[in-house]
Structure formats: structure tokens, C-alpha cells
Amino acid sequence: MPELPEVETIKRIIEPQIQGLSITEVTVRRSDLIAYPEKEHFCRLLTGQTVHRLERRGKFLLIHLESQDRVILHLRMTGCLLFTPAAFPEEKHTHIVFHMSDGNELRFSDTRRFGRFWLLCSGENDVCSGISKLGMEPFDTALTAEYLSSHMGSRKKTIKQCLLDQSMIAGIGNIYSDEILFTAGLYPARPANSLNQNDWQRLAKIIPERLSYFIQKNEISPEEYLETRGKDYRNTPFLQVYGHRGEGCPNCGTIFCHIVVGGRSSVYCPVCQDHLTH
């Protein structure tokens, strides 16, 4: 699933390409991907609207229109956005196409079809997408040790489960929770209520630092993004722990271990990550 760094990359690539363009037509081939409103109303309301800007909120993308209506998109597991010439070969599983006023197309493809779109009119409360339930953005200056300890410090759940809880911090998934905990030296299955003030201070510093690092490593030109069909995330070689099960820790050489935490696969170093509560 695309997590915050990947969604931020998509936002930075797509926004300057569609900003100021109008939507001349919308083609929807899978109506189940339109969560709200129903397909015909979705297409009718969007036709003729002009894109003002894009925004990322957690793992969501928001297309703000000049009318102050907004389209909300969650890519889920396999969703992908591409801005292409009309004659550019379509990706398999392309389900929604926004035909733009410059003759190009904004295409949404999704192999597993879990992605969802919502269209909310100006002033309409969002009671359907789930954005209103999201917690703090990782780059918010209010994301402090005090915030983390007050929201997680009394919980018996593991620290990894707390990092994955979107109502506490928005945008962190399985990949970057492993990376954050490795850098912080914390065992993924350690109960959150066992962390001390130093632990929370490390996390408050490391969370935005790691995510910023991977956003930077993901930088790619619009041409390269289109050439790779939006699937070449360049930060992958820089992942230190995720995907390295059975390999040696870059810090100490100890073989990484694997556990399942809250139903999610987790890789960690048994030496570098505090596992006193193991």
C-alpha cells in the first residue's frame, strides 16, 4: 500500500501538471470505485470544473476545485494516478479517466480495485471518507514527545500498532513503522505503556525525520514517473529493515528477525532494538 512518502510523491508530481486545468469529461468503468455520490452524479458534478490545487492528508489525496468542491481519493493497496497524453497506452486495470482541457488525461488504475473516490460539494461536511478521524500529521510541530506519550503512553497495545493507528498519527504504514522503530531502537512488539520519556522524545524526532528522508529519496521527474508508470519508488534501496528479513543488520551485522504484530509482518534487529519485554 502506498504510504505517506509515496502519496506525497504522487501529489508533487501530479499537482503542477493539472493545476488550472478543467475537467471536460469523466469516464468511469468501475462504478464501485466511486464511494460517494453515485457515479452519474459524480461525473455530472465534475464536468466543467477547474482544478485549484492538490493536498495530501495522511494517505489520502484531495483535489481541490475552484468551486471549493473537492475530490478525495484513497489509493489503498494498488491504486495509481498517471497524467498522460490521450494517445498514451493505457495501463491494465485503468478504471477512471478524467479528460482534461489541455487534451491530456488523468488516469486512475487499480489492480485490486480497493481504491475509492468521494466528491464533496462546497461546504459539505465529510462524513464518509474517514479523513475527519485522522490524527496529527507527522510534520506538525505539535507532534511532540508529550503528544505521543499522552495519546499512546497508557496503552497496552504494542508501539507498532500505535504507530499504525491513523487516528493518532496520519500516514504511517507497515513499511515506515518498521523503519522508524529500527532507527529509534525500539522492539516493535513492546507495549506502548512501557516506553519512557526518552523513548517518546526519540520517536518525536525520528518520525518526521525518517518520513522526510524517504520523501526526498523518492524524488523523480514527471517524465520518469510516467515512463515507469508511477511504480518506481526510488526510496526502496534506502530501506534499512523493511524487506530485509534474514539479512544482516547494517549497524551490528546480526540477522534480522521476523514477527507478526497485530496481524502485520514486522522485521527487527534483536540486538539494536530494545526487546527487554520480549
C-alpha atoms as a PDB file:
ATOM      1  CA  MET A   1       0.000   0.000   0.000  1.00  0.00           C
ATOM      2  CA  PRO A   2       1.330   3.477  -0.798  1.00  0.00           C
ATOM      3  CA  GLU A   3       2.162   5.220   2.475  1.00  0.00           C
ATOM      4  CA  LEU A   4       2.788   8.884   3.225  1.00  0.00           C
ATOM      5  CA  PRO A   5       6.086   9.244   1.280  1.00  0.00           C
ATOM      6  CA  GLU A   6       4.615   7.609  -1.834  1.00  0.00           C
ATOM      7  CA  VAL A   7       1.387   9.634  -1.697  1.00  0.00           C
ATOM      8  CA  GLU A   8       3.401  12.830  -1.190  1.00  0.00           C
ATOM      9  CA  THR A   9       5.493  11.930  -4.247  1.00  0.00           C
ATOM     10  CA  ILE A  10       2.346  11.471  -6.332  1.00  0.00           C
ATOM     11  CA  LYS A  11       0.990  14.785  -5.086  1.00  0.00           C
ATOM     12  CA  ARG A  12       4.177  16.627  -6.034  1.00  0.00           C
ATOM     13  CA  ILE A  13       4.288  15.051  -9.495  1.00  0.00           C
ATOM     14  CA  ILE A  14       0.608  15.418 -10.416  1.00  0.00           C
ATOM     15  CA  GLU A  15      -0.277  18.814  -8.900  1.00  0.00           C
ATOM     16  CA  PRO A  16       1.731  21.092 -11.232  1.00  0.00           C
ATOM     17  CA  GLN A  17       0.511  19.115 -14.250  1.00  0.00           C
ATOM     18  CA  ILE A  18      -3.214  19.509 -13.588  1.00  0.00           C
ATOM     19  CA  GLN A  19      -3.344  22.808 -11.695  1.00  0.00           C
ATOM     20  CA  GLY A  20      -5.521  25.286 -13.573  1.00  0.00           C
ATOM     21  CA  LEU A  21      -6.905  22.690 -15.982  1.00  0.00           C
ATOM     22  CA  SER A  22     -10.616  21.992 -16.374  1.00  0.00           C
ATOM     23  CA  ILE A  23     -12.245  18.573 -16.449  1.00  0.00           C
ATOM     24  CA  THR A  24     -14.094  18.228 -19.737  1.00  0.00           C
ATOM     25  CA  GLU A  25     -15.413  14.706 -19.194  1.00  0.00           C
ATOM     26  CA  VAL A  26     -15.165  11.832 -16.710  1.00  0.00           C
ATOM     27  CA  THR A  27     -15.150   8.178 -17.768  1.00  0.00           C
ATOM     28  CA  VAL A  28     -15.935   5.674 -15.014  1.00  0.00           C
ATOM     29  CA  ARG A  29     -15.619   1.996 -15.931  1.00  0.00           C
ATOM     30  CA  ARG A  30     -15.989   0.601 -12.412  1.00  0.00           C
ATOM     31  CA  SER A  31     -18.775   2.367 -10.546  1.00  0.00           C
ATOM     32  CA  ASP A  32     -17.874   0.600  -7.270  1.00  0.00           C
ATOM     33  CA  LEU A  33     -14.753   2.780  -7.051  1.00  0.00           C
ATOM     34  CA  ILE A  34     -16.979   5.839  -6.626  1.00  0.00           C
ATOM     35  CA  ALA A  35     -17.937   5.666  -2.966  1.00  0.00           C
ATOM     36  CA  TYR A  36     -19.897   8.960  -2.920  1.00  0.00           C
ATOM     37  CA  PRO A  37     -22.054  10.184  -4.586  1.00  0.00           C
ATOM     38  CA  GLU A  38     -23.392   7.729  -7.188  1.00  0.00           C
ATOM     39  CA  LYS A  39     -21.488   7.508 -10.481  1.00  0.00           C
ATOM     40  CA  GLU A  40     -23.751   9.622 -12.712  1.00  0.00           C
ATOM     41  CA  HIS A  41     -23.908  12.448 -10.175  1.00  0.00           C
ATOM     42  CA  PHE A  42     -20.121  12.250  -9.638  1.00  0.00           C
ATOM     43  CA  CYS A  43     -19.439  12.630 -13.368  1.00  0.00           C
ATOM     44  CA  ARG A  44     -22.021  15.352 -13.884  1.00  0.00           C
ATOM     45  CA  LEU A  45     -20.791  17.484 -10.975  1.00  0.00           C
ATOM     46  CA  LEU A  46     -17.149  17.266 -12.040  1.00  0.00           C
ATOM     47  CA  THR A  47     -17.631  18.071 -15.716  1.00  0.00           C
ATOM     48  CA  GLY A  48     -16.540  21.659 -16.385  1.00  0.00           C
ATOM     49  CA  GLN A  49     -14.816  22.106 -13.016  1.00  0.00           C
ATOM     50  CA  THR A  50     -11.296  23.575 -12.758  1.00  0.00           C
ATOM     51  CA  VAL A  51      -8.513  22.196 -10.569  1.00  0.00           C
ATOM     52  CA  HIS A  52      -7.214  24.643  -7.969  1.00  0.00           C
ATOM     53  CA  ARG A  53      -4.643  22.539  -6.069  1.00  0.00           C
ATOM     54  CA  LEU A  54      -3.826  19.115  -4.642  1.00  0.00           C
ATOM     55  CA  GLU A  55      -3.390  18.292  -0.987  1.00  0.00           C
ATOM     56  CA  ARG A  56      -2.169  15.226   0.864  1.00  0.00           C
ATOM     57  CA  ARG A  57      -3.731  14.310   4.204  1.00  0.00           C
ATOM     58  CA  GLY A  58      -2.270  11.146   5.687  1.00  0.00           C
ATOM     59  CA  LYS A  59      -2.538   8.595   2.871  1.00  0.00           C
ATOM     60  CA  PHE A  60      -5.387  10.497   1.175  1.00  0.00           C
ATOM     61  CA  LEU A  61      -5.164  12.821  -1.820  1.00  0.00           C
ATOM     62  CA  LEU A  62      -7.562  15.748  -2.150  1.00  0.00           C
ATOM     63  CA  ILE A  63      -8.192  17.525  -5.447  1.00  0.00           C
ATOM     64  CA  HIS A  64      -9.467  20.994  -4.536  1.00  0.00           C
ATOM     65  CA  LEU A  65     -11.538  22.618  -7.265  1.00  0.00           C
ATOM     66  CA  GLU A  66     -12.024  26.337  -7.879  1.00  0.00           C
ATOM     67  CA  SER A  67     -15.688  25.951  -6.915  1.00  0.00           C
ATOM     68  CA  GLN A  68     -14.440  24.755  -3.485  1.00  0.00           C
ATOM     69  CA  ASP A  69     -15.830  21.310  -4.211  1.00  0.00           C
ATOM     70  CA  ARG A  70     -13.230  18.622  -3.538  1.00  0.00           C
ATOM     71  CA  VAL A  71     -12.460  15.126  -4.772  1.00  0.00           C
ATOM     72  CA  ILE A  72     -10.979  12.787  -2.151  1.00  0.00           C
ATOM     73  CA  LEU A  73      -9.002   9.734  -3.206  1.00  0.00           C
ATOM     74  CA  HIS A  74      -7.519   6.846  -1.260  1.00  0.00           C
ATOM     75  CA  LEU A  75      -5.185   4.636  -3.311  1.00  0.00           C
ATOM     76  CA  ARG A  76      -5.463   1.703  -0.886  1.00  0.00           C
ATOM     77  CA  MET A  77      -3.351  -1.305  -1.890  1.00  0.00           C
ATOM     78  CA  THR A  78      -2.626  -0.887  -5.609  1.00  0.00           C
ATOM     79  CA  GLY A  79      -4.095   2.416  -6.785  1.00  0.00           C
ATOM     80  CA  CYS A  80      -2.052   4.580  -9.157  1.00  0.00           C
ATOM     81  CA  LEU A  81      -2.535   8.037 -10.705  1.00  0.00           C
ATOM     82  CA  LEU A  82      -0.981   8.953 -14.056  1.00  0.00           C
ATOM     83  CA  PHE A  83      -1.226  12.165 -16.074  1.00  0.00           C
ATOM     84  CA  THR A  84      -0.784  11.144 -19.693  1.00  0.00           C
ATOM     85  CA  PRO A  85      -1.289  12.220 -23.305  1.00  0.00           C
ATOM     86  CA  ALA A  86      -4.596  10.890 -24.619  1.00  0.00           C
ATOM     87  CA  ALA A  87      -2.773   8.578 -27.038  1.00  0.00           C
ATOM     88  CA  PHE A  88      -0.508   7.112 -24.344  1.00  0.00           C
ATOM     89  CA  PRO A  89      -1.129   3.347 -23.936  1.00  0.00           C
ATOM     90  CA  GLU A  90      -3.482   2.677 -21.042  1.00  0.00           C
ATOM     91  CA  GLU A  91      -2.363   0.657 -18.092  1.00  0.00           C
ATOM     92  CA  LYS A  92      -4.270  -2.553 -17.478  1.00  0.00           C
ATOM     93  CA  HIS A  93      -6.998  -2.051 -14.861  1.00  0.00           C
ATOM     94  CA  THR A  94      -7.497   1.632 -15.721  1.00  0.00           C
ATOM     95  CA  HIS A  95     -10.927   2.284 -14.220  1.00  0.00           C
ATOM     96  CA  ILE A  96     -11.403   6.065 -14.141  1.00  0.00           C
ATOM     97  CA  VAL A  97     -10.254   8.695 -16.629  1.00  0.00           C
ATOM     98  CA  PHE A  98     -10.523  12.459 -16.164  1.00  0.00           C
ATOM     99  CA  HIS A  99     -10.319  14.108 -19.589  1.00  0.00           C
ATOM    100  CA  MET A 100      -8.589  17.472 -19.152  1.00  0.00           C
ATOM    101  CA  SER A 101      -8.927  20.735 -21.060  1.00  0.00           C
ATOM    102  CA  ASP A 102      -5.371  20.565 -22.459  1.00  0.00           C
ATOM    103  CA  GLY A 103      -6.135  17.263 -24.200  1.00  0.00           C
ATOM    104  CA  ASN A 104      -4.314  15.107 -21.652  1.00  0.00           C
ATOM    105  CA  GLU A 105      -5.863  12.616 -19.240  1.00  0.00           C
ATOM    106  CA  LEU A 106      -5.614  11.952 -15.516  1.00  0.00           C
ATOM    107  CA  ARG A 107      -5.990   8.183 -15.188  1.00  0.00           C
ATOM    108  CA  PHE A 108      -6.622   6.016 -12.153  1.00  0.00           C
ATOM    109  CA  SER A 109      -5.662   2.352 -12.358  1.00  0.00           C
ATOM    110  CA  ASP A 110      -6.057  -0.198  -9.588  1.00  0.00           C
ATOM    111  CA  THR A 111      -5.337  -3.907  -9.938  1.00  0.00           C
ATOM    112  CA  ARG A 112      -7.165  -4.947  -6.771  1.00  0.00           C
ATOM    113  CA  ARG A 113      -9.897  -2.291  -7.060  1.00  0.00           C
ATOM    114  CA  PHE A 114      -9.765  -1.269  -3.389  1.00  0.00           C
ATOM    115  CA  GLY A 115      -9.176   2.430  -4.154  1.00  0.00           C
ATOM    116  CA  ARG A 116     -12.069   4.824  -3.571  1.00  0.00           C
ATOM    117  CA  PHE A 117     -13.209   8.304  -4.670  1.00  0.00           C
ATOM    118  CA  TRP A 118     -15.511  10.709  -2.856  1.00  0.00           C
ATOM    119  CA  LEU A 119     -16.813  14.052  -4.192  1.00  0.00           C
ATOM    120  CA  LEU A 120     -17.930  16.613  -1.649  1.00  0.00           C
ATOM    121  CA  CYS A 121     -19.572  19.877  -2.608  1.00  0.00           C
ATOM    122  CA  SER A 122     -18.512  23.239  -1.219  1.00  0.00           C
ATOM    123  CA  GLY A 123     -19.406  23.444   2.464  1.00  0.00           C
ATOM    124  CA  GLU A 124     -20.469  19.794   2.649  1.00  0.00           C
ATOM    125  CA  ASN A 125     -19.262  18.008   5.773  1.00  0.00           C
ATOM    126  CA  ASP A 126     -17.141  14.944   5.153  1.00  0.00           C
ATOM    127  CA  VAL A 127     -18.878  12.106   6.981  1.00  0.00           C
ATOM    128  CA  CYS A 128     -17.927   9.390   4.509  1.00  0.00           C
ATOM    129  CA  SER A 129     -14.219   9.295   3.593  1.00  0.00           C
ATOM    130  CA  GLY A 130     -12.736   8.913   7.086  1.00  0.00           C
ATOM    131  CA  ILE A 131     -10.424  11.929   6.849  1.00  0.00           C
ATOM    132  CA  SER A 132     -12.129  13.557   9.812  1.00  0.00           C
ATOM    133  CA  LYS A 133     -10.933  10.689  12.003  1.00  0.00           C
ATOM    134  CA  LEU A 134      -7.263  11.113  11.141  1.00  0.00           C
ATOM    135  CA  GLY A 135      -4.769  12.095  13.782  1.00  0.00           C
ATOM    136  CA  MET A 136      -1.932  14.575  13.573  1.00  0.00           C
ATOM    137  CA  GLU A 137       0.275  14.943  10.518  1.00  0.00           C
ATOM    138  CA  PRO A 138       3.816  13.670  11.201  1.00  0.00           C
ATOM    139  CA  PHE A 139       5.301  17.039  10.215  1.00  0.00           C
ATOM    140  CA  ASP A 140       3.102  19.071  12.542  1.00  0.00           C
ATOM    141  CA  THR A 141       5.241  20.915  15.085  1.00  0.00           C
ATOM    142  CA  ALA A 142       2.738  19.826  17.739  1.00  0.00           C
ATOM    143  CA  LEU A 143       3.869  16.213  17.254  1.00  0.00           C
ATOM    144  CA  THR A 144       5.975  16.234  20.405  1.00  0.00           C
ATOM    145  CA  ALA A 145       7.046  13.673  22.982  1.00  0.00           C
ATOM    146  CA  GLU A 146       4.211  14.979  25.142  1.00  0.00           C
ATOM    147  CA  TYR A 147       1.667  14.408  22.380  1.00  0.00           C
ATOM    148  CA  LEU A 148       2.901  10.868  21.790  1.00  0.00           C
ATOM    149  CA  SER A 149       3.047   9.906  25.440  1.00  0.00           C
ATOM    150  CA  SER A 150      -0.374  11.397  26.197  1.00  0.00           C
ATOM    151  CA  HIS A 151      -2.015   9.555  23.267  1.00  0.00           C
ATOM    152  CA  MET A 152      -0.105   6.270  23.423  1.00  0.00           C
ATOM    153  CA  GLY A 153       1.651   6.094  26.780  1.00  0.00           C
ATOM    154  CA  SER A 154      -1.180   4.457  28.703  1.00  0.00           C
ATOM    155  CA  ARG A 155      -1.991   1.865  26.048  1.00  0.00           C
ATOM    156  CA  LYS A 156      -1.223  -1.831  26.371  1.00  0.00           C
ATOM    157  CA  LYS A 157      -1.082  -2.187  22.595  1.00  0.00           C
ATOM    158  CA  THR A 158       2.338  -2.534  21.008  1.00  0.00           C
ATOM    159  CA  ILE A 159       4.194   0.551  19.887  1.00  0.00           C
ATOM    160  CA  LYS A 160       3.985  -0.666  16.285  1.00  0.00           C
ATOM    161  CA  GLN A 161       0.182  -0.925  16.478  1.00  0.00           C
ATOM    162  CA  CYS A 162       0.057   2.599  17.890  1.00  0.00           C
ATOM    163  CA  LEU A 163       2.169   3.967  15.039  1.00  0.00           C
ATOM    164  CA  LEU A 164      -0.174   2.266  12.559  1.00  0.00           C
ATOM    165  CA  ASP A 165      -3.250   3.787  14.219  1.00  0.00           C
ATOM    166  CA  GLN A 166      -4.296   6.531  11.798  1.00  0.00           C
ATOM    167  CA  SER A 167      -6.346   8.270  14.488  1.00  0.00           C
ATOM    168  CA  MET A 168      -3.104   9.072  16.330  1.00  0.00           C
ATOM    169  CA  ILE A 169      -0.657   9.843  13.512  1.00  0.00           C
ATOM    170  CA  ALA A 170      -1.759  10.032   9.879  1.00  0.00           C
ATOM    171  CA  GLY A 171       0.149   8.354   7.081  1.00  0.00           C
ATOM    172  CA  ILE A 172       2.414   5.730   8.665  1.00  0.00           C
ATOM    173  CA  GLY A 173       2.014   2.153   7.436  1.00  0.00           C
ATOM    174  CA  ASN A 174       3.839  -1.136   7.748  1.00  0.00           C
ATOM    175  CA  ILE A 175       6.941  -0.092   5.825  1.00  0.00           C
ATOM    176  CA  TYR A 176       7.758   3.113   7.654  1.00  0.00           C
ATOM    177  CA  SER A 177       6.719   1.923  11.098  1.00  0.00           C
ATOM    178  CA  ASP A 178       9.464  -0.712  10.786  1.00  0.00           C
ATOM    179  CA  GLU A 179      11.952   1.912   9.612  1.00  0.00           C
ATOM    180  CA  ILE A 180      11.027   4.346  12.395  1.00  0.00           C
ATOM    181  CA  LEU A 181      11.256   1.715  15.131  1.00  0.00           C
ATOM    182  CA  PHE A 182      14.592   0.440  13.825  1.00  0.00           C
ATOM    183  CA  THR A 183      16.074   3.943  13.904  1.00  0.00           C
ATOM    184  CA  ALA A 184      14.591   4.536  17.364  1.00  0.00           C
ATOM    185  CA  GLY A 185      15.969   1.223  18.660  1.00  0.00           C
ATOM    186  CA  LEU A 186      12.555   0.030  19.791  1.00  0.00           C
ATOM    187  CA  TYR A 187      11.242  -3.533  19.594  1.00  0.00           C
ATOM    188  CA  PRO A 188       8.009  -3.497  17.519  1.00  0.00           C
ATOM    189  CA  ALA A 189       6.029  -5.649  19.970  1.00  0.00           C
ATOM    190  CA  ARG A 190       6.961  -3.627  23.036  1.00  0.00           C
ATOM    191  CA  PRO A 191       3.848  -2.346  24.844  1.00  0.00           C
ATOM    192  CA  ALA A 192       3.445   1.383  24.395  1.00  0.00           C
ATOM    193  CA  ASN A 193       2.874   1.845  28.115  1.00  0.00           C
ATOM    194  CA  SER A 194       6.401   0.565  28.812  1.00  0.00           C
ATOM    195  CA  LEU A 195       8.117   3.396  26.932  1.00  0.00           C
ATOM    196  CA  ASN A 196       9.794   6.148  28.940  1.00  0.00           C
ATOM    197  CA  GLN A 197      10.191   9.859  28.259  1.00  0.00           C
ATOM    198  CA  ASN A 198      13.471   9.362  26.396  1.00  0.00           C
ATOM    199  CA  ASP A 199      11.766   6.846  24.103  1.00  0.00           C
ATOM    200  CA  TRP A 200       8.971   9.301  23.300  1.00  0.00           C
ATOM    201  CA  GLN A 201      11.473  12.076  22.650  1.00  0.00           C
ATOM    202  CA  ARG A 202      13.394   9.872  20.215  1.00  0.00           C
ATOM    203  CA  LEU A 203      10.194   8.928  18.394  1.00  0.00           C
ATOM    204  CA  ALA A 204       9.030  12.553  18.150  1.00  0.00           C
ATOM    205  CA  LYS A 205      12.308  13.426  16.451  1.00  0.00           C
ATOM    206  CA  ILE A 206      12.660  10.307  14.288  1.00  0.00           C
ATOM    207  CA  ILE A 207       9.104  10.106  12.877  1.00  0.00           C
ATOM    208  CA  PRO A 208       9.285  13.330  10.791  1.00  0.00           C
ATOM    209  CA  GLU A 209      12.986  12.834  10.061  1.00  0.00           C
ATOM    210  CA  ARG A 210      12.559   9.351   8.563  1.00  0.00           C
ATOM    211  CA  LEU A 211       9.489  10.288   6.537  1.00  0.00           C
ATOM    212  CA  SER A 212      11.192  13.417   5.177  1.00  0.00           C
ATOM    213  CA  TYR A 213      14.231  11.335   4.266  1.00  0.00           C
ATOM    214  CA  PHE A 214      12.201   8.852   2.249  1.00  0.00           C
ATOM    215  CA  ILE A 215      10.188  11.607   0.534  1.00  0.00           C
ATOM    216  CA  GLN A 216      13.482  13.131  -0.566  1.00  0.00           C
ATOM    217  CA  LYS A 217      14.828   9.792  -1.814  1.00  0.00           C
ATOM    218  CA  ASN A 218      11.601   9.331  -3.793  1.00  0.00           C
ATOM    219  CA  GLU A 219      12.165  12.479  -5.885  1.00  0.00           C
ATOM    220  CA  ILE A 220      11.544  11.778  -9.553  1.00  0.00           C
ATOM    221  CA  SER A 221      10.778  13.887 -12.627  1.00  0.00           C
ATOM    222  CA  PRO A 222       7.309  13.808 -14.225  1.00  0.00           C
ATOM    223  CA  GLU A 223       8.882  12.217 -17.313  1.00  0.00           C
ATOM    224  CA  GLU A 224      10.495   9.422 -15.285  1.00  0.00           C
ATOM    225  CA  TYR A 225       7.309   8.946 -13.277  1.00  0.00           C
ATOM    226  CA  LEU A 226       5.288   8.445 -16.463  1.00  0.00           C
ATOM    227  CA  GLU A 227       7.948   6.234 -18.045  1.00  0.00           C
ATOM    228  CA  THR A 228       7.885   3.906 -15.022  1.00  0.00           C
ATOM    229  CA  ARG A 229       4.055   4.078 -14.889  1.00  0.00           C
ATOM    230  CA  GLY A 230       4.209   5.562 -11.369  1.00  0.00           C
ATOM    231  CA  LYS A 231       5.556   2.342  -9.901  1.00  0.00           C
ATOM    232  CA  ASP A 232       9.260   3.097  -9.413  1.00  0.00           C
ATOM    233  CA  TYR A 233       9.632   4.375  -5.867  1.00  0.00           C
ATOM    234  CA  ARG A 234      13.269   5.300  -5.573  1.00  0.00           C
ATOM    235  CA  ASN A 235      13.498   5.120  -1.809  1.00  0.00           C
ATOM    236  CA  THR A 236      13.306   1.305  -1.811  1.00  0.00           C
ATOM    237  CA  PRO A 237      17.116   0.791  -1.880  1.00  0.00           C
ATOM    238  CA  PHE A 238      17.375   3.025   1.199  1.00  0.00           C
ATOM    239  CA  LEU A 239      15.059   0.955   3.387  1.00  0.00           C
ATOM    240  CA  GLN A 240      17.216  -0.396   6.192  1.00  0.00           C
ATOM    241  CA  VAL A 241      14.967  -3.044   7.700  1.00  0.00           C
ATOM    242  CA  TYR A 242      11.683  -3.491   5.834  1.00  0.00           C
ATOM    243  CA  GLY A 243      12.026  -6.254   3.232  1.00  0.00           C
ATOM    244  CA  HIS A 244      15.368  -7.385   4.661  1.00  0.00           C
ATOM    245  CA  ARG A 245      14.191 -10.385   6.653  1.00  0.00           C
ATOM    246  CA  GLY A 246      17.033 -12.896   7.068  1.00  0.00           C
ATOM    247  CA  GLU A 247      19.699 -10.342   6.134  1.00  0.00           C
ATOM    248  CA  GLY A 248      22.295  -8.744   8.375  1.00  0.00           C
ATOM    249  CA  CYS A 249      21.626  -5.559  10.317  1.00  0.00           C
ATOM    250  CA  PRO A 250      23.591  -2.640   8.763  1.00  0.00           C
ATOM    251  CA  ASN A 251      24.543  -1.486  12.249  1.00  0.00           C
ATOM    252  CA  CYS A 252      25.706  -4.648  14.008  1.00  0.00           C
ATOM    253  CA  GLY A 253      25.550  -7.456  11.446  1.00  0.00           C
ATOM    254  CA  THR A 254      23.046  -9.538  13.444  1.00  0.00           C
ATOM    255  CA  ILE A 255      20.498 -11.343  11.281  1.00  0.00           C
ATOM    256  CA  PHE A 256      17.148  -9.568  11.248  1.00  0.00           C
ATOM    257  CA  CYS A 257      14.265 -11.401  12.911  1.00  0.00           C
ATOM    258  CA  HIS A 258      10.620 -11.559  11.839  1.00  0.00           C
ATOM    259  CA  ILE A 259       7.485 -11.453  13.978  1.00  0.00           C
ATOM    260  CA  VAL A 260       3.813 -10.718  13.427  1.00  0.00           C
ATOM    261  CA  VAL A 261       2.484  -7.755  15.404  1.00  0.00           C
ATOM    262  CA  GLY A 262      -1.232  -7.090  15.364  1.00  0.00           C
ATOM    263  CA  GLY A 263      -1.542  -9.189  12.220  1.00  0.00           C
ATOM    264  CA  ARG A 264       1.201  -7.239  10.431  1.00  0.00           C
ATOM    265  CA  SER A 265       4.591  -8.588   9.415  1.00  0.00           C
ATOM    266  CA  SER A 266       7.486  -6.907  11.236  1.00  0.00           C
ATOM    267  CA  VAL A 267      11.240  -7.136  10.794  1.00  0.00           C
ATOM    268  CA  TYR A 268      13.645  -6.015  13.514  1.00  0.00           C
ATOM    269  CA  CYS A 269      17.189  -6.374  14.827  1.00  0.00           C
ATOM    270  CA  PRO A 270      17.274  -8.387  18.087  1.00  0.00           C
ATOM    271  CA  VAL A 271      20.405  -6.521  19.205  1.00  0.00           C
ATOM    272  CA  CYS A 272      19.809  -2.911  18.145  1.00  0.00           C
ATOM    273  CA  GLN A 273      16.133  -2.786  19.053  1.00  0.00           C
ATOM    274  CA  ASP A 274      15.250  -2.922  22.710  1.00  0.00           C
ATOM    275  CA  HIS A 275      13.417  -6.186  23.273  1.00  0.00           C
ATOM    276  CA  LEU A 276      13.659  -6.419  27.043  1.00  0.00           C
ATOM    277  CA  THR A 277       9.910  -7.081  27.121  1.00  0.00           C
ATOM    278  CA  HIS A 278      10.207  -9.838  24.525  1.00  0.00           C
END
